[in-house]
């Protein structure tokens, strides 16, 4: 809920929000839709969910999501 308290406390009108999270099976869940409800004047792009146990090997997935080349 800390993230939603933060989002509710600021005006994100005209801003782009790109969420990311770690999880253990739920993926992004309803997060993107919930963010759209809290920040209706912002653009919310597709987020990146990473399985918590895969964080150490997620660099390629993160680079792909960001549109960066492999090192």
Foldseek 3Di string as FASTA:
>chain_A
DVVLVVLLVDQQAPEEAAAEEEDAPCFCPCVQVVSCVSHVRYHYDYYYYHHPVCVVVCPVVVCVVVVHDDD
